[in-house]
N, C-alpha and C. Protein backbone atom coordinates (compact mmCIF):
# COMPACT_ATOMS: atom_id res chain seq x y z
N UNK A 1 1.06 -0.73 -0.20
CA UNK A 1 0.03 0.13 0.05
C UNK A 1 0.87 1.40 -0.41
N UNK A 2 0.30 2.21 -1.14
CA UNK A 2 1.03 3.20 -0.62
C UNK A 2 -0.25 4.88 -0.42
N UNK A 3 0.69 5.72 0.90
CA UNK A 3 -0.69 6.91 1.39
C UNK A 3 0.61 7.94 1.56
N UNK A 4 -0.46 8.59 1.42
CA UNK A 4 -0.28 10.28 1.83
C UNK A 4 -1.30 10.63 2.40
N UNK A 5 -1.23 11.61 3.52
CA UNK A 5 -1.87 12.61 4.24
C UNK A 5 -1.41 13.41 4.42
N UNK A 6 -2.34 14.16 4.99
CA UNK A 6 -2.36 16.04 5.60
C UNK A 6 -3.15 16.50 6.96
N UNK A 7 -3.18 16.72 7.79
CA UNK A 7 -3.95 17.68 9.10
C UNK A 7 -3.48 18.89 9.59
N UNK A 8 -5.34 19.53 9.23
CA UNK A 8 -5.01 21.26 9.94
C UNK A 8 -5.51 21.41 10.94
N UNK A 9 -5.29 22.47 11.77
CA UNK A 9 -6.81 22.68 13.01
C UNK A 9 -7.13 23.67 12.62
N UNK A 10 -8.71 24.18 12.27
CA UNK A 10 -9.48 25.37 11.67
C UNK A 10 -10.14 26.24 12.75
N UNK A 11 -9.97 26.94 12.86
CA UNK A 11 -10.65 27.64 13.73
C UNK A 11 -12.31 28.30 13.11
N UNK A 12 -12.62 26.59 13.26
CA UNK A 12 -14.74 27.29 12.95
C UNK A 12 -15.34 25.44 13.38
N UNK A 13 -16.10 25.78 13.55
CA UNK A 13 -16.82 24.42 13.76
C UNK A 13 -16.95 23.94 12.93
N UNK A 14 -17.13 22.20 12.75
CA UNK A 14 -17.32 21.07 11.66
C UNK A 14 -18.25 21.32 10.36
N UNK A 15 -19.18 21.68 10.86
CA UNK A 15 -20.56 22.37 9.65
C UNK A 15 -19.92 23.15 8.95
N UNK A 16 -19.02 24.53 9.43
CA UNK A 16 -18.27 25.12 8.76
C UNK A 16 -17.87 24.85 7.69
N UNK A 17 -16.57 24.17 8.06
CA UNK A 17 -15.61 23.14 6.90
C UNK A 17 -16.16 22.56 6.08
N UNK A 18 -16.93 21.97 6.72
CA UNK A 18 -18.05 20.67 6.16
C UNK A 18 -18.38 21.50 4.82
N UNK A 19 -19.35 22.95 4.69
CA UNK A 19 -19.54 23.63 3.84
C UNK A 19 -19.01 23.40 2.34
N UNK A 20 -17.50 24.06 2.98
CA UNK A 20 -16.55 24.72 2.18
C UNK A 20 -16.46 23.56 1.32
N UNK A 21 -15.70 21.84 1.97
CA UNK A 21 -15.55 21.33 1.86
C UNK A 21 -16.53 20.22 0.30
N UNK A 22 -17.75 20.16 0.83
CA UNK A 22 -18.26 19.79 0.19
C UNK A 22 -18.84 21.11 -1.46
N UNK A 23 -18.59 21.99 -1.46
CA UNK A 23 -18.67 22.61 -2.79
C UNK A 23 -17.56 22.67 -3.72
N UNK A 24 -17.75 21.57 -4.62
CA UNK A 24 -16.46 21.36 -5.13
C UNK A 24 -16.72 22.86 -6.16
N UNK A 25 -17.60 22.95 -6.90
CA UNK A 25 -17.08 23.71 -7.58
C UNK A 25 -16.06 24.73 -7.43
N UNK A 26 -16.15 25.51 -6.38
CA UNK A 26 -15.06 26.63 -5.80
C UNK A 26 -13.84 26.19 -4.66
N UNK A 27 -13.49 24.60 -5.42
CA UNK A 27 -12.14 24.17 -4.93
C UNK A 27 -10.99 25.14 -5.15
N UNK A 28 -11.14 25.30 -6.21
CA UNK A 28 -10.21 25.61 -7.04
C UNK A 28 -9.72 27.76 -7.12
N UNK A 29 -10.64 27.73 -6.35
CA UNK A 29 -10.92 29.14 -5.72
C UNK A 29 -9.49 29.62 -4.33
N UNK A 30 -9.62 28.68 -3.17
CA UNK A 30 -8.93 28.23 -2.60
C UNK A 30 -7.94 27.60 -2.72
N UNK A 31 -7.83 26.70 -3.47
CA UNK A 31 -6.29 25.71 -3.52
C UNK A 31 -6.00 25.90 -5.45
N UNK A 32 -4.63 26.38 -5.15
CA UNK A 32 -4.62 26.20 -6.38
C UNK A 32 -3.87 25.33 -7.13
N UNK A 33 -3.84 24.05 -6.51
CA UNK A 33 -3.57 22.87 -6.79
C UNK A 33 -4.60 22.32 -7.71
N UNK A 34 -5.76 23.25 -7.23
CA UNK A 34 -7.26 22.20 -7.94
C UNK A 34 -7.45 23.36 -9.84
N UNK A 35 -7.67 22.12 -10.32
CA UNK A 35 -7.94 22.78 -11.71
C UNK A 35 -9.04 23.45 -11.79
N UNK A 36 -10.26 22.09 -11.07
CA UNK A 36 -11.09 21.82 -11.40
C UNK A 36 -11.79 20.71 -10.62
N UNK A 37 -13.57 20.88 -10.48
CA UNK A 37 -13.13 19.60 -9.66
C UNK A 37 -15.08 19.56 -10.75
N UNK A 38 -15.67 18.82 -11.43
CA UNK A 38 -17.03 18.59 -11.98
C UNK A 38 -17.58 17.70 -11.65
N UNK A 39 -18.94 18.36 -11.26
CA UNK A 39 -19.76 17.06 -10.60
C UNK A 39 -19.80 18.21 -9.42
N UNK A 40 -21.03 16.97 -8.76
CA UNK A 40 -21.75 17.74 -7.11
C UNK A 40 -21.07 16.62 -6.49
N UNK A 41 -20.55 17.04 -4.43
CA UNK A 41 -20.46 16.32 -4.13
C UNK A 41 -21.32 15.68 -3.00
N UNK A 42 -21.94 14.44 -2.98
CA UNK A 42 -22.79 14.16 -2.69
C UNK A 42 -23.21 12.51 -2.30
N UNK A 43 -23.76 12.16 -1.77
CA UNK A 43 -23.67 10.74 -1.81
C UNK A 43 -23.83 9.61 -3.02
N UNK A 44 -22.91 8.67 -3.32
CA UNK A 44 -23.27 8.38 -4.21
C UNK A 44 -22.79 8.68 -5.69
N UNK A 45 -22.64 10.09 -6.01
CA UNK A 45 -22.71 10.84 -7.15
C UNK A 45 -20.91 10.85 -7.56
N UNK A 46 -21.22 10.89 -8.78
CA UNK A 46 -19.58 10.57 -9.47
C UNK A 46 -19.16 11.89 -9.95
N UNK A 47 -17.23 12.69 -9.34
CA UNK A 47 -17.45 13.41 -9.80
C UNK A 47 -15.28 13.59 -10.40
N UNK A 48 -15.34 14.80 -10.96
CA UNK A 48 -14.38 14.87 -11.93
C UNK A 48 -12.60 15.50 -11.58
N UNK A 49 -12.22 15.10 -10.75
CA UNK A 49 -11.21 15.66 -10.43
C UNK A 49 -10.03 16.00 -11.11
N UNK A 50 -9.62 17.07 -11.97
CA UNK A 50 -8.44 17.44 -12.31
C UNK A 50 -7.59 18.58 -11.49
N UNK A 51 -6.17 18.59 -11.47
CA UNK A 51 -4.97 18.86 -11.14
C UNK A 51 -3.86 19.14 -10.95
N UNK A 52 -2.98 20.15 -10.71
CA UNK A 52 -2.15 20.49 -11.52
C UNK A 52 -1.12 19.74 -11.13
N UNK A 53 -0.85 18.94 -10.06
CA UNK A 53 0.20 18.04 -10.13
C UNK A 53 0.36 16.88 -10.90
N UNK A 54 -0.83 16.83 -11.95
CA UNK A 54 -0.82 15.66 -13.08
C UNK A 54 -1.89 16.63 -14.31
N UNK A 55 -0.96 17.51 -14.23
CA UNK A 55 -1.54 18.22 -15.46
C UNK A 55 -2.34 18.09 -17.05
N UNK A 56 -3.73 17.86 -17.11
CA UNK A 56 -3.86 17.13 -18.40
C UNK A 56 -4.58 16.08 -18.21
N UNK A 57 -4.48 15.39 -16.73
CA UNK A 57 -5.12 14.01 -16.66
C UNK A 57 -6.53 14.34 -15.39
N UNK A 58 -7.71 13.76 -15.76
CA UNK A 58 -8.78 13.91 -15.35
C UNK A 58 -8.66 12.47 -14.08
N UNK A 59 -9.26 13.33 -13.21
CA UNK A 59 -9.24 11.56 -12.57
C UNK A 59 -10.89 11.42 -11.50
N UNK A 60 -11.63 10.62 -12.89
CA UNK A 60 -13.10 10.04 -11.97
C UNK A 60 -12.86 9.56 -10.41
N UNK A 61 -14.34 9.90 -9.90
CA UNK A 61 -14.38 9.15 -9.04
C UNK A 61 -15.44 9.01 -8.22
N UNK A 62 -15.74 8.11 -7.39
CA UNK A 62 -17.71 8.23 -6.89
C UNK A 62 -16.89 8.56 -5.02
N UNK A 63 -17.99 9.34 -4.69
CA UNK A 63 -18.56 9.31 -3.66
C UNK A 63 -18.77 8.59 -2.52
N UNK A 64 -17.92 7.49 -2.28
CA UNK A 64 -18.47 6.37 -1.71
C UNK A 64 -19.04 6.87 0.07
N UNK A 65 -18.59 7.30 0.94
CA UNK A 65 -19.38 8.38 2.08
C UNK A 65 -19.24 9.31 2.38
N UNK A 66 -20.84 9.74 2.49
CA UNK A 66 -20.92 10.78 2.50
C UNK A 66 -22.05 10.97 4.05
N UNK A 67 -20.87 11.59 5.08
CA UNK A 67 -21.24 11.03 6.27
C UNK A 67 -21.11 13.48 6.86
N UNK A 68 -22.49 13.99 6.60
CA UNK A 68 -21.73 15.41 7.02
C UNK A 68 -21.85 15.49 8.45
N UNK A 69 -21.24 16.15 9.60
CA UNK A 69 -20.27 16.79 9.17
C UNK A 69 -18.69 16.28 9.50
N UNK A 70 -18.92 15.04 9.25
CA UNK A 70 -17.18 13.97 9.67
C UNK A 70 -16.39 13.25 8.89
N UNK A 71 -17.19 12.85 7.72
CA UNK A 71 -16.31 11.86 6.53
C UNK A 71 -16.79 12.25 5.24
N UNK A 72 -16.05 12.33 4.50
CA UNK A 72 -15.83 12.13 3.21
C UNK A 72 -14.65 11.30 2.12
N UNK A 73 -15.73 10.62 1.67
CA UNK A 73 -14.46 9.54 0.66
C UNK A 73 -14.70 9.33 -0.32
N UNK A 74 -13.69 9.40 -1.42
CA UNK A 74 -13.92 9.14 -2.83
C UNK A 74 -13.24 8.31 -2.98
N UNK A 75 -13.71 6.83 -3.94
CA UNK A 75 -12.87 5.88 -4.08
C UNK A 75 -13.24 5.61 -5.79
N UNK A 76 -11.95 5.52 -6.65
CA UNK A 76 -11.34 5.65 -8.13
C UNK A 76 -10.58 4.50 -7.66
N UNK A 77 -10.11 4.59 -9.40
CA UNK A 77 -9.25 3.70 -9.71
C UNK A 77 -9.35 2.24 -10.93
N UNK A 78 -9.31 1.99 -10.98
CA UNK A 78 -9.03 0.34 -12.19
C UNK A 78 -9.90 -0.68 -12.26
N UNK A 79 -10.96 -1.22 -13.05
CA UNK A 79 -11.84 -2.13 -12.90
C UNK A 79 -11.54 -3.44 -12.42
N UNK A 80 -12.32 -3.92 -11.39
CA UNK A 80 -11.52 -5.30 -10.41
C UNK A 80 -10.52 -4.93 -10.07
N UNK A 81 -10.33 -3.87 -9.29
CA UNK A 81 -9.43 -3.87 -8.40
C UNK A 81 -8.27 -3.61 -8.29
N UNK A 82 -7.82 -4.13 -9.51
CA UNK A 82 -6.50 -3.39 -10.06
C UNK A 82 -5.60 -2.69 -10.06
N UNK A 83 -6.39 -1.43 -9.25
CA UNK A 83 -5.68 -0.09 -8.79
C UNK A 83 -6.79 0.22 -7.96
N UNK A 84 -6.33 0.54 -7.04
CA UNK A 84 -7.46 1.33 -6.24
C UNK A 84 -7.33 2.73 -5.43
N UNK A 85 -7.50 3.63 -5.02
CA UNK A 85 -7.10 5.29 -4.59
C UNK A 85 -8.37 5.56 -3.55
N UNK A 86 -8.30 5.39 -2.49
CA UNK A 86 -9.14 5.70 -2.01
C UNK A 86 -9.21 7.24 -0.46
N UNK A 87 -10.06 8.35 -1.06
CA UNK A 87 -9.59 9.32 -0.68
C UNK A 87 -10.21 10.37 0.49
N UNK A 88 -10.07 9.97 2.30
CA UNK A 88 -10.77 10.59 2.97
C UNK A 88 -10.48 11.66 3.52
N UNK A 89 -11.48 12.38 3.77
CA UNK A 89 -11.62 13.57 4.39
C UNK A 89 -12.04 13.13 5.63
N UNK A 90 -11.51 13.54 7.06
CA UNK A 90 -12.13 13.25 8.48
C UNK A 90 -12.10 14.52 9.45
N UNK A 91 -12.94 15.05 9.41
CA UNK A 91 -13.44 15.99 10.67
C UNK A 91 -13.72 15.58 11.93
N UNK A 92 -13.26 16.43 13.20
CA UNK A 92 -13.79 15.90 14.43
C UNK A 92 -13.37 17.55 14.64
N UNK A 93 -14.49 17.80 16.07
CA UNK A 93 -14.89 18.91 16.91
C UNK A 93 -13.35 18.69 17.22
N UNK A 94 -12.49 20.60 18.20
CA UNK A 94 -11.40 20.10 18.48
C UNK A 94 -11.53 21.29 19.42
N UNK A 95 -12.26 21.78 20.26
CA UNK A 95 -12.71 22.37 21.43
C UNK A 95 -13.38 23.71 20.57
N UNK A 96 -12.88 24.54 19.80
CA UNK A 96 -13.65 25.87 19.19
C UNK A 96 -13.43 25.23 17.61
N UNK A 97 -12.58 25.13 17.37
CA UNK A 97 -12.18 24.18 16.26
C UNK A 97 -12.70 23.11 15.52
N UNK A 98 -11.51 22.78 14.31
CA UNK A 98 -11.78 21.57 13.96
C UNK A 98 -10.97 20.88 13.60
N UNK A 99 -10.22 19.86 13.88
CA UNK A 99 -8.91 18.81 13.11
C UNK A 99 -9.66 17.65 11.66
N UNK A 100 -9.44 18.89 10.43
CA UNK A 100 -9.19 18.14 9.40
C UNK A 100 -8.17 17.18 8.69
N UNK A 101 -8.60 15.74 8.47
CA UNK A 101 -7.20 14.95 7.89
C UNK A 101 -7.94 14.85 6.80
N UNK A 102 -6.81 14.42 6.08
CA UNK A 102 -7.04 13.81 4.71
C UNK A 102 -6.32 13.31 4.52
N UNK A 103 -6.28 12.18 4.03
CA UNK A 103 -5.76 10.65 3.44
C UNK A 103 -6.24 9.45 2.63
N UNK A 104 -4.85 9.16 1.71
CA UNK A 104 -5.21 8.76 0.12
C UNK A 104 -4.48 7.44 0.54
N UNK A 105 -4.98 6.80 0.32
CA UNK A 105 -4.46 5.19 0.18
C UNK A 105 -3.99 4.61 -1.18
N UNK A 106 -3.42 3.72 -2.00
CA UNK A 106 -3.36 3.41 -2.73
C UNK A 106 -3.18 1.73 -2.83
N UNK A 107 -3.74 0.76 -3.83
CA UNK A 107 -3.86 -0.37 -3.49
C UNK A 107 -3.80 -1.22 -4.73
N UNK A 108 -3.77 -2.48 -4.54
CA UNK A 108 -4.52 -3.16 -6.05
C UNK A 108 -3.21 -3.91 -6.47
N UNK A 109 -3.01 -4.93 -7.48
CA UNK A 109 -2.16 -5.73 -7.82
C UNK A 109 -1.07 -4.69 -8.50
N UNK A 110 -1.60 -3.81 -9.38
CA UNK A 110 -0.61 -2.78 -10.40
C UNK A 110 -0.73 -1.79 -9.96
N UNK A 111 -0.40 -1.54 -8.46
CA UNK A 111 0.36 -0.75 -7.02
C UNK A 111 1.82 -0.40 -7.66
N UNK A 112 3.12 -2.00 -7.86
CA UNK A 112 3.80 -1.06 -7.92
C UNK A 112 4.55 -0.98 -8.96
N UNK A 113 4.02 -1.29 -10.53
CA UNK A 113 3.62 -0.41 -11.69
C UNK A 113 3.03 0.86 -11.74
N UNK A 114 1.90 1.21 -11.33
CA UNK A 114 1.26 2.31 -11.20
C UNK A 114 2.45 3.49 -10.24
N UNK A 115 2.15 2.87 -9.43
CA UNK A 115 2.92 3.75 -7.76
C UNK A 115 4.06 4.32 -8.39
N UNK A 116 4.70 3.68 -9.44
CA UNK A 116 5.96 4.41 -9.85
C UNK A 116 6.23 5.52 -10.54
N UNK A 117 5.01 6.00 -10.82
CA UNK A 117 4.10 7.21 -11.60
C UNK A 117 3.73 8.27 -11.13
N UNK A 118 3.31 7.56 -9.51
CA UNK A 118 2.51 8.75 -8.35
C UNK A 118 3.90 10.29 -8.48
N UNK A 119 3.80 10.86 -8.41
CA UNK A 119 4.64 12.14 -8.02
C UNK A 119 3.98 11.72 -6.38
N UNK A 120 4.97 12.58 -5.47
CA UNK A 120 5.20 13.06 -4.30
C UNK A 120 4.00 13.42 -4.12
N UNK A 121 2.96 12.98 -3.40
CA UNK A 121 1.75 14.08 -3.21
C UNK A 121 1.90 14.81 -1.96
N UNK A 122 2.73 14.57 -0.91
CA UNK A 122 2.74 15.43 0.68
C UNK A 122 2.07 16.79 0.10
N UNK A 123 2.99 17.60 -0.48
CA UNK A 123 2.90 18.78 -0.86
C UNK A 123 1.79 19.19 -1.38
N UNK A 124 1.05 18.66 -2.43
CA UNK A 124 -0.14 19.34 -2.46
C UNK A 124 -1.51 18.35 -1.24
N UNK A 125 -1.29 18.19 -0.82
CA UNK A 125 -2.35 17.56 0.07
C UNK A 125 -2.17 18.60 1.58
N UNK A 126 -0.50 19.22 1.78
CA UNK A 126 -0.80 20.33 3.12
C UNK A 126 -1.18 21.15 1.99
N UNK A 127 -1.26 21.55 0.88
CA UNK A 127 -1.83 22.77 0.31
C UNK A 127 -3.11 23.13 -0.04
N UNK A 128 -3.46 21.96 0.43
CA UNK A 128 -4.86 21.80 0.08
C UNK A 128 -5.58 21.86 1.47
N UNK A 129 -5.08 21.07 2.73
CA UNK A 129 -5.74 21.27 3.69
C UNK A 129 -5.48 22.86 4.23
N UNK A 130 -4.27 23.55 4.01
CA UNK A 130 -3.85 24.65 4.50
C UNK A 130 -4.83 26.02 3.32
N UNK A 131 -5.34 25.72 2.31
CA UNK A 131 -5.97 26.41 1.50
C UNK A 131 -7.65 26.13 2.46
N UNK A 132 -7.64 24.97 2.68
CA UNK A 132 -9.40 25.14 3.43
C UNK A 132 -9.11 25.84 4.43
N UNK A 133 -8.21 25.67 5.81
CA UNK A 133 -8.31 26.05 6.14
C UNK A 133 -8.42 27.73 6.01
N UNK A 134 -7.46 28.53 4.84
CA UNK A 134 -7.45 29.52 4.84
C UNK A 134 -8.76 30.80 4.42
N UNK A 135 -9.85 29.55 3.85
CA UNK A 135 -10.71 29.87 2.90
C UNK A 135 -11.84 29.85 4.70
N UNK A 136 -11.83 28.58 4.99
CA UNK A 136 -13.14 28.70 6.32
C UNK A 136 -12.69 29.92 7.07
N UNK A 137 -11.59 29.88 7.93
CA UNK A 137 -11.12 31.29 8.60
C UNK A 137 -11.78 32.24 7.81
N UNK A 138 -11.56 32.60 6.89
CA UNK A 138 -11.88 33.94 6.08
C UNK A 138 -13.18 34.61 5.94
N UNK A 139 -13.86 33.38 5.89
CA UNK A 139 -15.36 32.98 5.78
C UNK A 139 -15.71 33.61 7.28
N UNK A 140 -15.24 32.87 8.16
CA UNK A 140 -16.23 32.85 9.73
C UNK A 140 -15.64 34.03 10.21
N UNK A 141 -14.83 35.10 9.55
CA UNK A 141 -14.17 36.23 10.05
C UNK A 141 -14.84 37.16 9.72
N UNK A 142 -15.47 37.02 8.43
CA UNK A 142 -15.58 38.22 7.54
C UNK A 142 -17.81 38.24 8.52
């Protein structure tokens, strides 16, 4: 298995963080690593994410867990489980704020071959959670 993750503490309630997290059409306004998200983040919906870390590529995923305001999971990959990516966003209340944890795990028989072509995603994950923090906290203070 191969995985990447990032965590941030946001000075806002989980509901406020969740509202920004599931507003896919605006991701590119606060995360410079996301070029676009097509579709609606909702239970059992399919969305397509385009990110600068893999310019020119589209990543179709399905929303497999939608549990507001706690857990959001995207699952994508190849047929027959040959390669699979599962991205989990976990939100938990922490005092007057929220801890956001983002983790993506890759697995499957083709992981060895495909994993070599996956760039280091740690910086883009950190950029995402920090962008989310900045956006949410700006809205809470406004």
